[in-house]
Structure formats: structure tokens, C-alpha cells
Amino acid sequence: MKVYFSLYAFLFLSCYSLPQPDWVNNHIVDAEYWYGYGIVNKEYVGNVREEARSRAIEEIATQISIDISSNFQTTRG
């Protein structure tokens, strides 16, 4: 009986996954700061912290844009 209960509990808990946090889908918009989120799977082989940081920087880079306009005026003197 204990074996069946343990097997049932293992199967039930292994199929359970937590929902994504709210901040993953709803990005913060702020006029003074840029926010970037770097998400890396746990199975990633390598430096997880550096990869997440790199992805966060890439996301911030996609938020940056520049509008350049110019006006020239010729004067004869």
C-alpha cells in the first residue's frame, strides 16, 4: 500500500508545474529606467548567470531606439 501511495504521489508531483510569474508576461514600463529579463532553462550547460545577463541586455537593447532629424537653412551673406 505504501508503494502505491508513493508512486501515486511521485507521479502527481512530477506532473505539477508552477505558473509563470506575472512579471514575465507583464513587463514594467518606466520613463526613467530600462528593464530586461533574461530567462534560461535549468538544463542550460554553461554559466547560467552570464547567459541570463546577456539575454537581459539583449532585451534592453531592443527597447532602445533613436530618432534623428535635422533642418538645414542656407543664408547668403
N, C-alpha and C. Protein backbone atom coordinates (compact mmCIF):
# COMPACT_ATOMS: atom_id res chain seq x y z
N MET A 1 0.81 -1.19 0.00
CA MET A 1 0.00 0.00 0.00
C MET A 1 0.86 1.26 0.00
N LYS A 2 1.95 1.25 0.79
CA LYS A 2 2.83 2.41 0.84
C LYS A 2 3.51 2.63 -0.51
N VAL A 3 3.80 1.54 -1.20
CA VAL A 3 4.45 1.65 -2.50
C VAL A 3 3.52 2.33 -3.50
N TYR A 4 2.25 1.96 -3.50
CA TYR A 4 1.29 2.57 -4.42
C TYR A 4 1.09 4.06 -4.10
N PHE A 5 1.01 4.37 -2.81
CA PHE A 5 0.85 5.76 -2.42
C PHE A 5 2.06 6.59 -2.84
N SER A 6 3.25 6.04 -2.62
CA SER A 6 4.48 6.74 -3.00
C SER A 6 4.55 6.94 -4.51
N LEU A 7 4.18 5.92 -5.26
CA LEU A 7 4.19 6.01 -6.73
C LEU A 7 3.18 7.04 -7.20
N TYR A 8 1.98 7.02 -6.61
CA TYR A 8 0.95 7.98 -6.97
C TYR A 8 1.41 9.41 -6.65
N ALA A 9 1.98 9.59 -5.46
CA ALA A 9 2.45 10.92 -5.06
C ALA A 9 3.56 11.40 -5.99
N PHE A 10 4.47 10.51 -6.37
CA PHE A 10 5.56 10.87 -7.27
C PHE A 10 5.02 11.29 -8.63
N LEU A 11 4.09 10.52 -9.18
CA LEU A 11 3.52 10.86 -10.49
C LEU A 11 2.74 12.18 -10.44
N PHE A 12 2.00 12.37 -9.38
CA PHE A 12 1.22 13.60 -9.23
C PHE A 12 2.13 14.82 -9.13
N LEU A 13 3.16 14.73 -8.31
CA LEU A 13 4.05 15.88 -8.10
C LEU A 13 4.97 16.12 -9.30
N SER A 14 5.32 15.08 -10.04
CA SER A 14 6.21 15.27 -11.19
C SER A 14 5.49 15.95 -12.35
N CYS A 15 4.18 15.85 -12.41
CA CYS A 15 3.41 16.50 -13.48
C CYS A 15 3.03 17.93 -13.12
N TYR A 16 3.21 18.31 -11.89
CA TYR A 16 2.83 19.65 -11.44
C TYR A 16 3.90 20.66 -11.84
N SER A 17 3.48 21.77 -12.39
CA SER A 17 4.42 22.84 -12.70
C SER A 17 3.84 24.16 -12.23
N LEU A 18 4.70 25.04 -11.79
CA LEU A 18 4.26 26.34 -11.30
C LEU A 18 3.94 27.25 -12.48
N PRO A 19 2.94 28.10 -12.34
CA PRO A 19 2.66 29.06 -13.41
C PRO A 19 3.76 30.11 -13.47
N GLN A 20 3.91 30.72 -14.65
CA GLN A 20 4.93 31.76 -14.79
C GLN A 20 4.56 32.95 -13.91
N PRO A 21 5.56 33.59 -13.34
CA PRO A 21 5.28 34.79 -12.55
C PRO A 21 4.69 35.89 -13.43
N ASP A 22 3.97 36.80 -12.81
CA ASP A 22 3.31 37.88 -13.53
C ASP A 22 4.30 38.78 -14.26
N TRP A 23 5.51 38.98 -13.68
CA TRP A 23 6.47 39.89 -14.29
C TRP A 23 7.05 39.34 -15.59
N VAL A 24 6.90 38.06 -15.85
CA VAL A 24 7.41 37.50 -17.11
C VAL A 24 6.57 37.99 -18.29
N ASN A 25 5.27 38.04 -18.10
CA ASN A 25 4.38 38.43 -19.19
C ASN A 25 4.05 39.93 -19.20
N ASN A 26 4.09 40.57 -18.07
CA ASN A 26 3.76 41.99 -17.97
C ASN A 26 5.01 42.77 -17.62
N HIS A 27 5.69 43.25 -18.64
CA HIS A 27 6.93 43.97 -18.43
C HIS A 27 6.67 45.36 -17.86
N ILE A 28 7.57 45.78 -17.00
CA ILE A 28 7.48 47.10 -16.38
C ILE A 28 7.85 48.16 -17.43
N VAL A 29 7.04 49.21 -17.50
CA VAL A 29 7.33 50.33 -18.38
C VAL A 29 7.60 51.53 -17.51
N ASP A 30 8.78 52.11 -17.67
CA ASP A 30 9.19 53.23 -16.85
C ASP A 30 9.92 54.23 -17.73
N ALA A 31 9.63 55.52 -17.55
CA ALA A 31 10.26 56.55 -18.38
C ALA A 31 11.72 56.77 -18.01
N GLU A 32 12.13 56.40 -16.82
CA GLU A 32 13.49 56.67 -16.36
C GLU A 32 14.43 55.47 -16.42
N TYR A 33 13.90 54.27 -16.51
CA TYR A 33 14.73 53.08 -16.46
C TYR A 33 14.33 52.09 -17.55
N TRP A 34 15.29 51.26 -17.93
CA TRP A 34 15.01 50.13 -18.81
C TRP A 34 15.11 48.86 -17.97
N TYR A 35 14.21 47.94 -18.24
CA TYR A 35 14.21 46.66 -17.55
C TYR A 35 14.38 45.56 -18.58
N GLY A 36 15.21 44.60 -18.26
CA GLY A 36 15.39 43.45 -19.14
C GLY A 36 15.37 42.18 -18.33
N TYR A 37 14.74 41.16 -18.86
CA TYR A 37 14.65 39.88 -18.18
C TYR A 37 15.37 38.82 -19.00
N GLY A 38 16.28 38.13 -18.38
CA GLY A 38 16.99 37.05 -19.04
C GLY A 38 16.56 35.72 -18.45
N ILE A 39 15.92 34.92 -19.23
CA ILE A 39 15.40 33.64 -18.74
C ILE A 39 16.17 32.51 -19.41
N VAL A 40 16.69 31.61 -18.59
CA VAL A 40 17.49 30.48 -19.07
C VAL A 40 16.93 29.20 -18.45
N ASN A 41 16.81 28.16 -19.26
CA ASN A 41 16.36 26.86 -18.75
C ASN A 41 17.38 26.29 -17.78
N LYS A 42 16.91 25.54 -16.83
CA LYS A 42 17.80 24.92 -15.85
C LYS A 42 18.74 23.91 -16.49
N GLU A 43 18.35 23.39 -17.64
CA GLU A 43 19.16 22.38 -18.30
C GLU A 43 20.32 23.01 -19.08
N TYR A 44 20.41 24.33 -19.12
CA TYR A 44 21.45 25.02 -19.87
C TYR A 44 22.82 24.59 -19.37
N VAL A 45 23.69 24.26 -20.29
CA VAL A 45 25.05 23.86 -19.94
C VAL A 45 25.95 25.08 -20.13
N GLY A 46 26.56 25.50 -19.08
CA GLY A 46 27.42 26.68 -19.14
C GLY A 46 27.13 27.58 -17.95
N ASN A 47 27.60 28.81 -18.06
CA ASN A 47 27.41 29.78 -16.99
C ASN A 47 26.00 30.38 -17.10
N VAL A 48 25.09 29.89 -16.28
CA VAL A 48 23.69 30.28 -16.34
C VAL A 48 23.53 31.77 -16.04
N ARG A 49 24.25 32.26 -15.07
CA ARG A 49 24.14 33.66 -14.68
C ARG A 49 24.57 34.58 -15.84
N GLU A 50 25.67 34.27 -16.48
CA GLU A 50 26.14 35.10 -17.59
C GLU A 50 25.18 35.05 -18.78
N GLU A 51 24.63 33.88 -19.05
CA GLU A 51 23.68 33.74 -20.16
C GLU A 51 22.41 34.54 -19.87
N ALA A 52 21.90 34.47 -18.66
CA ALA A 52 20.71 35.23 -18.29
C ALA A 52 21.00 36.73 -18.38
N ARG A 53 22.16 37.15 -17.94
CA ARG A 53 22.55 38.56 -18.02
C ARG A 53 22.64 39.01 -19.47
N SER A 54 23.23 38.18 -20.31
CA SER A 54 23.35 38.51 -21.73
C SER A 54 21.98 38.64 -22.39
N ARG A 55 21.08 37.75 -22.06
CA ARG A 55 19.74 37.82 -22.64
C ARG A 55 18.98 39.05 -22.13
N ALA A 56 19.19 39.42 -20.89
CA ALA A 56 18.55 40.63 -20.35
C ALA A 56 19.07 41.87 -21.07
N ILE A 57 20.37 41.92 -21.31
CA ILE A 57 20.95 43.06 -22.04
C ILE A 57 20.42 43.11 -23.46
N GLU A 58 20.28 41.96 -24.10
CA GLU A 58 19.72 41.93 -25.45
C GLU A 58 18.28 42.46 -25.46
N GLU A 59 17.51 42.12 -24.43
CA GLU A 59 16.14 42.61 -24.36
C GLU A 59 16.11 44.12 -24.16
N ILE A 60 17.02 44.64 -23.34
CA ILE A 60 17.10 46.09 -23.15
C ILE A 60 17.48 46.77 -24.47
N ALA A 61 18.40 46.17 -25.21
CA ALA A 61 18.83 46.75 -26.48
C ALA A 61 17.68 46.86 -27.47
N THR A 62 16.72 45.96 -27.41
CA THR A 62 15.58 46.03 -28.33
C THR A 62 14.65 47.18 -27.98
N GLN A 63 14.74 47.71 -26.76
CA GLN A 63 13.89 48.81 -26.34
C GLN A 63 14.45 50.17 -26.73
N ILE A 64 15.72 50.22 -27.10
CA ILE A 64 16.38 51.49 -27.38
C ILE A 64 16.21 51.83 -28.85
N SER A 65 15.74 53.03 -29.10
CA SER A 65 15.63 53.50 -30.47
C SER A 65 16.00 54.98 -30.50
N ILE A 66 16.43 55.42 -31.66
CA ILE A 66 16.85 56.81 -31.83
C ILE A 66 16.14 57.39 -33.03
N ASP A 67 15.59 58.57 -32.87
CA ASP A 67 15.01 59.32 -33.97
C ASP A 67 15.90 60.53 -34.22
N ILE A 68 16.43 60.61 -35.42
CA ILE A 68 17.30 61.72 -35.78
C ILE A 68 16.64 62.52 -36.89
N SER A 69 16.56 63.79 -36.68
CA SER A 69 16.06 64.66 -37.74
C SER A 69 16.93 65.91 -37.75
N SER A 70 17.01 66.53 -38.89
CA SER A 70 17.82 67.74 -38.99
C SER A 70 17.16 68.73 -39.93
N ASN A 71 17.46 69.96 -39.70
CA ASN A 71 16.97 71.05 -40.55
C ASN A 71 18.18 71.89 -40.96
N PHE A 72 18.29 72.13 -42.23
CA PHE A 72 19.36 72.98 -42.73
C PHE A 72 18.75 74.25 -43.30
N GLN A 73 19.42 75.32 -43.03
CA GLN A 73 18.96 76.58 -43.58
C GLN A 73 20.19 77.28 -44.15
N THR A 74 20.06 77.66 -45.39
CA THR A 74 21.16 78.34 -46.08
C THR A 74 20.91 79.84 -46.03
N THR A 75 21.90 80.55 -45.60
CA THR A 75 21.78 82.01 -45.59
C THR A 75 22.87 82.60 -46.46
N ARG A 76 22.54 83.63 -47.17
CA ARG A 76 23.52 84.30 -48.02
C ARG A 76 23.90 85.61 -47.34
N GLY A 77 25.13 85.81 -47.23
CA GLY A 77 25.54 86.99 -46.50
C GLY A 77 26.42 87.89 -47.18
